[in-house]
Amino acid sequence: MAEPPEPPADDSPETRMARLILALRSQGVSEPKVLQAIETTPREIFTPELFKQRAFEDSALPIACGQTISQPFIVGLMTQALKVDKRDRVLEIGTGSGYQTTILSKLARLVYTVERYRTLMREAEGRFKALGLTNVITRFGDGGEGWPEQAPFDRIMVTAAAPGEPKALLSQLKPTGILVAPIGKGPVQSLRRYTGDGQGGFNVEKLIDVRFVPLLDGVAKEL
């Protein structure tokens, strides 16, 4: 007599999210509040319909305008490296789908986010509204210029690769603030953390090699 078929593995969203969180832990994302922010953020709503079945994978996925929603490991690592506190005002350069923005909004007092693609900004704003986020302020503009009117910031996260040291953004950081950004012109960049020394200088740490889309000047011309 043939053996009865094994029951299908539990593939519910909760189980898939649990597997993702375990994968992040195994790679060094260990800060409880960061993991909780990821666990309580429904990544599938930030993912295009074509890729929704892959929303719980630890991989980057395409979105509109030739951009990507970052790999959850990179989101977790960068968020952990930023050391966000509930009292912090955070500047994010590159709103994209709004996924990273949402993670930051659960950890910070206010998140100011800048996007150069109007299409992405509008879509992200719709997601923020649907999620009931009240501490996210958006701006359509050139991310490389930051948001000088709202500076200085406690924390700055850059989600596109700056070709060199982001001096304009560093100038908008508080004296002991932290900036995390991928730095480099090639296909592989260095993820770096700049920590203000309180005297106008910065301690710079190289974290890991990463792959990000480049940080471009100006705003995008869309059809």
Protein backbone atom coordinates (compact mmCIF):
# COMPACT_ATOMS: atom_id res chain seq x y z
CA MET A 1 0.00 0.00 0.00
CA ALA A 2 1.35 3.41 -0.95
CA GLU A 3 2.33 5.77 1.81
CA PRO A 4 -0.17 8.61 2.32
CA PRO A 5 1.08 11.95 1.01
CA GLU A 6 2.65 14.25 3.54
CA PRO A 7 0.53 17.23 4.54
CA PRO A 8 1.55 20.46 2.83
CA ALA A 9 3.96 22.62 4.75
CA ASP A 10 2.45 25.61 6.50
CA ASP A 11 3.01 28.46 4.07
CA SER A 12 0.85 31.09 5.75
CA PRO A 13 2.02 34.73 5.77
CA GLU A 14 2.78 34.39 9.49
CA THR A 15 5.00 31.36 8.90
CA ARG A 16 6.78 32.98 5.97
CA MET A 17 7.40 36.11 8.03
CA ALA A 18 8.73 33.98 10.90
CA ARG A 19 11.18 32.31 8.51
CA LEU A 20 12.30 35.71 7.27
CA ILE A 21 12.91 36.99 10.80
CA LEU A 22 14.96 33.88 11.60
CA ALA A 23 16.99 34.45 8.44
CA LEU A 24 17.68 38.06 9.46
CA ARG A 25 18.75 36.98 12.95
CA SER A 26 21.15 34.43 11.47
CA GLN A 27 22.78 37.21 9.42
CA GLY A 28 23.33 39.53 12.36
CA VAL A 29 20.20 41.68 12.54
CA SER A 30 19.62 41.19 16.25
CA GLU A 31 18.18 44.46 17.60
CA PRO A 32 14.71 43.50 18.94
CA LYS A 33 12.98 46.75 18.05
CA VAL A 34 14.29 46.60 14.48
CA LEU A 35 13.11 43.01 14.06
CA GLN A 36 9.72 43.94 15.52
CA ALA A 37 9.39 46.85 13.09
CA ILE A 38 10.12 44.51 10.17
CA GLU A 39 7.80 41.81 11.51
CA THR A 40 4.89 44.24 11.83
CA THR A 41 5.34 45.84 8.40
CA PRO A 42 3.45 44.04 5.59
CA ARG A 43 6.11 44.01 2.87
CA GLU A 44 3.61 42.65 0.34
CA ILE A 45 1.79 46.00 0.11
CA PHE A 46 5.02 47.66 -1.07
CA THR A 47 5.64 45.00 -3.71
CA PRO A 48 4.26 45.09 -7.30
CA GLU A 49 1.51 42.58 -8.03
CA LEU A 50 3.83 40.46 -10.19
CA PHE A 51 6.17 39.88 -7.24
CA LYS A 52 3.77 39.67 -4.29
CA GLN A 53 4.40 35.95 -3.87
CA ARG A 54 8.07 36.81 -3.27
CA ALA A 55 7.40 39.53 -0.69
CA PHE A 56 8.66 37.37 2.18
CA GLU A 57 11.89 36.42 0.43
CA ASP A 58 15.14 37.92 1.66
CA SER A 59 15.84 39.50 -1.71
CA ALA A 60 15.56 42.83 -3.48
CA LEU A 61 12.61 43.15 -5.86
CA PRO A 62 11.90 45.48 -8.80
CA ILE A 63 9.46 48.38 -8.43
CA ALA A 64 8.44 51.18 -10.80
CA CYS A 65 10.85 53.66 -12.43
CA GLY A 66 13.66 51.11 -12.63
CA GLN A 67 14.14 51.14 -8.87
CA THR A 68 14.04 48.34 -6.28
CA ILE A 69 12.63 47.54 -2.86
CA SER A 70 15.69 46.62 -0.83
CA GLN A 71 16.49 43.18 0.50
CA PRO A 72 15.07 42.83 4.05
CA PHE A 73 18.54 41.97 5.37
CA ILE A 74 19.91 45.27 4.04
CA VAL A 75 16.89 47.16 5.43
CA GLY A 76 17.44 45.55 8.81
CA LEU A 77 21.19 46.06 8.80
CA MET A 78 21.00 49.74 7.81
CA THR A 79 18.23 50.43 10.31
CA GLN A 80 20.19 48.71 13.08
CA ALA A 81 23.35 50.62 12.13
CA LEU A 82 21.46 53.94 12.31
CA LYS A 83 20.68 53.40 16.03
CA VAL A 84 17.35 55.21 15.84
CA ASP A 85 15.75 56.45 19.06
CA LYS A 86 12.09 57.35 19.61
CA ARG A 87 13.10 60.99 20.06
CA ASP A 88 14.99 61.20 16.76
CA ARG A 89 14.18 63.19 13.65
CA VAL A 90 15.35 61.10 10.69
CA LEU A 91 16.03 62.16 7.11
CA GLU A 92 15.68 59.43 4.48
CA ILE A 93 17.07 59.99 0.99
CA GLY A 94 15.18 57.84 -1.52
CA THR A 95 11.62 57.01 -0.51
CA GLY A 96 11.18 54.36 -3.20
CA SER A 97 8.28 52.06 -2.33
CA GLY A 98 8.10 53.49 1.19
CA TYR A 99 9.05 50.19 2.86
CA GLN A 100 12.21 51.45 4.55
CA THR A 101 10.38 54.68 5.44
CA THR A 102 7.69 52.70 7.23
CA ILE A 103 10.27 50.72 9.21
CA LEU A 104 11.92 53.98 10.30
CA SER A 105 8.56 55.54 11.22
CA LYS A 106 8.05 52.83 13.84
CA LEU A 107 11.33 53.71 15.54
CA ALA A 108 11.66 57.51 15.21
CA ARG A 109 9.70 60.56 16.26
CA LEU A 110 9.57 62.01 12.74
CA VAL A 111 10.77 60.77 9.34
CA TYR A 112 11.44 63.26 6.55
CA THR A 113 11.76 61.44 3.23
CA VAL A 114 12.83 62.77 -0.18
CA GLU A 115 12.13 61.10 -3.56
CA ARG A 116 13.14 62.22 -7.08
CA TYR A 117 10.44 60.18 -8.87
CA ARG A 118 7.01 61.73 -8.55
CA THR A 119 5.31 58.42 -9.41
CA LEU A 120 7.07 56.60 -6.58
CA MET A 121 6.36 59.44 -4.16
CA ARG A 122 2.62 59.41 -4.90
CA GLU A 123 2.40 55.64 -4.55
CA ALA A 124 4.35 55.70 -1.28
CA GLU A 125 2.15 58.48 0.10
CA GLY A 126 -0.90 56.30 -0.62
CA ARG A 127 0.65 53.44 1.34
CA PHE A 128 1.52 55.70 4.28
CA LYS A 129 -2.08 56.90 4.37
CA ALA A 130 -3.43 53.34 4.21
CA LEU A 131 -1.16 52.34 7.09
CA GLY A 132 -2.22 55.34 9.15
CA LEU A 133 1.30 56.75 9.49
CA THR A 134 1.22 60.24 10.98
CA ASN A 135 4.94 60.91 11.52
CA VAL A 136 6.16 60.77 7.91
CA ILE A 137 6.72 63.99 5.95
CA THR A 138 7.37 63.61 2.21
CA ARG A 139 9.12 65.79 -0.34
CA PHE A 140 9.51 65.50 -4.10
CA GLY A 141 12.99 66.74 -4.88
CA ASP A 142 16.72 66.16 -5.28
CA GLY A 143 17.80 63.84 -2.48
CA GLY A 144 21.44 64.82 -2.78
CA GLU A 145 20.50 68.28 -1.51
CA GLY A 146 18.84 66.83 1.58
CA TRP A 147 16.26 68.99 3.34
CA PRO A 148 18.17 72.01 4.64
CA GLU A 149 15.05 73.82 5.90
CA GLN A 150 14.44 71.03 8.41
CA ALA A 151 18.08 70.43 9.39
CA PRO A 152 19.81 69.47 11.58
CA PHE A 153 18.73 65.84 11.82
CA ASP A 154 19.58 63.25 14.45
CA ARG A 155 19.90 60.52 11.83
CA ILE A 156 20.20 60.36 8.04
CA MET A 157 19.77 57.26 5.88
CA VAL A 158 20.68 57.24 2.19
CA THR A 159 19.14 54.43 0.13
CA ALA A 160 21.04 55.12 -3.11
CA ALA A 161 24.78 55.00 -3.74
CA ALA A 162 26.58 58.33 -3.35
CA PRO A 163 29.68 58.56 -5.58
CA GLY A 164 31.77 60.00 -2.73
CA GLU A 165 31.46 61.41 0.75
CA PRO A 166 27.96 63.01 0.97
CA LYS A 167 29.17 66.37 2.28
CA ALA A 168 25.88 68.23 1.74
CA LEU A 169 24.02 65.62 3.79
CA LEU A 170 26.69 65.42 6.49
CA SER A 171 26.34 69.19 6.91
CA GLN A 172 22.68 68.63 7.83
CA LEU A 173 23.51 66.19 10.61
CA LYS A 174 23.64 67.11 14.29
CA PRO A 175 27.18 67.20 15.77
CA THR A 176 26.83 63.73 17.30
CA GLY A 177 24.38 62.38 14.73
CA ILE A 178 24.70 59.29 12.54
CA LEU A 179 24.50 58.91 8.75
CA VAL A 180 24.41 55.54 6.99
CA ALA A 181 24.94 55.39 3.23
CA PRO A 182 26.34 53.23 0.43
CA ILE A 183 29.40 54.96 -1.02
CA GLY A 184 30.97 54.22 -4.41
CA LYS A 185 30.60 54.63 -8.17
CA GLY A 186 30.81 51.01 -9.30
CA PRO A 187 28.27 48.16 -9.22
CA VAL A 188 29.47 47.25 -5.72
CA GLN A 189 29.62 49.93 -3.03
CA SER A 190 30.77 50.19 0.56
CA LEU A 191 28.06 50.67 3.19
CA ARG A 192 29.45 53.20 5.64
CA ARG A 193 28.39 54.70 8.94
CA TYR A 194 29.43 58.27 9.74
CA THR A 195 29.18 59.17 13.44
CA GLY A 196 29.68 62.79 14.45
CA ASP A 197 32.41 63.36 17.03
CA GLY A 198 30.75 66.50 18.39
CA GLN A 199 33.55 68.74 17.06
CA GLY A 200 32.71 68.89 13.36
CA GLY A 201 34.43 65.64 12.40
CA PHE A 202 33.20 62.11 11.78
CA ASN A 203 34.25 58.62 12.70
CA VAL A 204 33.74 56.47 9.60
CA GLU A 205 33.10 52.72 9.69
CA LYS A 206 32.87 50.40 6.70
CA LEU A 207 30.11 47.86 7.34
CA ILE A 208 29.68 45.57 4.30
CA ASP A 209 29.75 45.63 0.50
CA VAL A 210 26.34 46.35 -1.05
CA ARG A 211 24.65 46.96 -4.40
CA PHE A 212 22.41 50.03 -4.73
CA VAL A 213 21.10 52.14 -7.57
CA PRO A 214 23.12 55.39 -7.92
CA LEU A 215 22.16 58.63 -6.19
CA LEU A 216 21.35 60.91 -9.13
CA ASP A 217 21.21 64.70 -9.29
CA GLY A 218 17.97 66.58 -9.82
CA VAL A 219 14.46 65.19 -10.13
CA ALA A 220 13.38 62.60 -12.68
CA LYS A 221 11.51 63.54 -15.87
CA GLU A 222 8.68 61.05 -16.16
CA LEU A 223 6.29 60.52 -19.07
